[in-house]
């Protein structure tokens, strides 16, 4: 199975669900080579998504235009403060 099919099978449904519910999907374990495939799949499903790897835990955030990059940075900081990392 190639990386795009792997992303379709293992990540796409969760990403769509989170984007539909919250406008943002967080993934701290996706590889850099696979993130582009997930972004492409989301675009193929009609979503206009921005994606960044944000500190402090360097999670990948896939998000709609409801969020600015600064919003995502602020949310990432709050997530870090609330996590056990």
Protein backbone atom coordinates (compact mmCIF):
# COMPACT_ATOMS: atom_id res chain seq x y z
CA UNK A 1 0.00 0.00 0.00
CA UNK A 2 1.44 3.38 -0.96
CA UNK A 3 1.44 6.41 1.35
CA UNK A 4 -1.61 8.02 -0.24
CA UNK A 5 -3.69 4.86 0.11
CA UNK A 6 -2.42 4.46 3.67
CA UNK A 7 -3.56 8.01 4.46
CA UNK A 8 -6.93 7.32 2.84
CA UNK A 9 -7.42 4.15 4.87
CA UNK A 10 -6.07 5.26 8.24
CA UNK A 11 -6.33 9.06 8.49
CA UNK A 12 -8.89 10.53 6.12
CA UNK A 13 -12.09 9.70 8.02
CA UNK A 14 -10.76 11.07 11.32
CA UNK A 15 -9.49 14.19 9.57
CA UNK A 16 -12.83 14.83 7.87
CA UNK A 17 -14.74 14.25 11.12
CA UNK A 18 -12.55 16.68 13.08
CA UNK A 19 -12.64 19.29 10.32
CA UNK A 20 -16.42 19.04 10.09
CA UNK A 21 -16.82 19.30 13.88
CA UNK A 22 -14.04 21.74 14.79
CA UNK A 23 -12.55 23.17 11.61
CA UNK A 24 -9.19 21.67 12.55
CA UNK A 25 -7.51 18.25 12.62
CA UNK A 26 -4.44 17.65 14.78
CA UNK A 27 -1.98 14.83 14.16
CA UNK A 28 1.25 14.50 16.08
CA UNK A 29 2.42 11.29 14.46
CA UNK A 30 1.89 11.69 10.72
CA UNK A 31 5.12 11.59 8.74
CA UNK A 32 6.22 14.58 6.73
CA UNK A 33 6.07 12.50 3.57
CA UNK A 34 2.50 11.40 4.31
CA UNK A 35 1.10 14.80 5.32
CA UNK A 36 1.05 16.00 1.72
CA UNK A 37 -1.00 12.99 0.70
CA UNK A 38 -3.56 13.69 3.42
CA UNK A 39 -3.74 17.32 2.34
CA UNK A 40 -4.33 16.22 -1.27
CA UNK A 41 -7.05 13.78 -0.19
CA UNK A 42 -8.82 16.49 1.80
CA UNK A 43 -8.68 18.82 -1.21
CA UNK A 44 -10.04 16.02 -3.42
CA UNK A 45 -12.99 15.83 -1.00
CA UNK A 46 -13.69 19.54 -1.49
CA UNK A 47 -11.99 21.03 1.56
CA UNK A 48 -9.85 24.15 1.37
CA UNK A 49 -7.27 23.38 4.01
CA UNK A 50 -4.10 24.98 5.29
CA UNK A 51 -1.52 22.78 6.96
CA UNK A 52 1.35 23.66 9.26
CA UNK A 53 3.58 21.85 11.72
CA UNK A 54 3.32 23.97 14.84
CA UNK A 55 5.29 24.22 18.08
CA UNK A 56 5.72 23.44 20.87
CA UNK A 57 5.08 19.73 20.17
CA UNK A 58 5.34 20.14 16.40
CA UNK A 59 1.96 18.60 15.68
CA UNK A 60 0.57 18.88 12.18
CA UNK A 61 -2.55 21.01 12.07
CA UNK A 62 -4.88 20.78 9.07
CA UNK A 63 -7.33 23.67 9.32
CA UNK A 64 -9.98 25.68 7.52
CA UNK A 65 -10.04 29.41 6.91
CA UNK A 66 -11.96 29.77 10.19
CA UNK A 67 -8.48 29.80 11.77
CA UNK A 68 -5.47 31.98 11.14
CA UNK A 69 -1.95 30.70 11.65
CA UNK A 70 -1.79 32.75 14.86
CA UNK A 71 -4.99 31.06 16.08
CA UNK A 72 -3.45 27.66 15.43
CA UNK A 73 -0.27 28.61 17.29
CA UNK A 74 -2.34 29.74 20.28
CA UNK A 75 -4.37 26.51 20.24
CA UNK A 76 -1.18 24.44 20.00
CA UNK A 77 0.20 26.19 23.07
CA UNK A 78 -3.01 25.50 25.01
CA UNK A 79 -2.92 21.85 23.91
CA UNK A 80 0.66 21.59 25.15
CA UNK A 81 -0.22 23.10 28.52
CA UNK A 82 -3.06 20.60 28.93
CA UNK A 83 -1.08 17.55 27.79
CA UNK A 84 1.15 15.13 29.67
CA UNK A 85 4.04 15.50 27.19
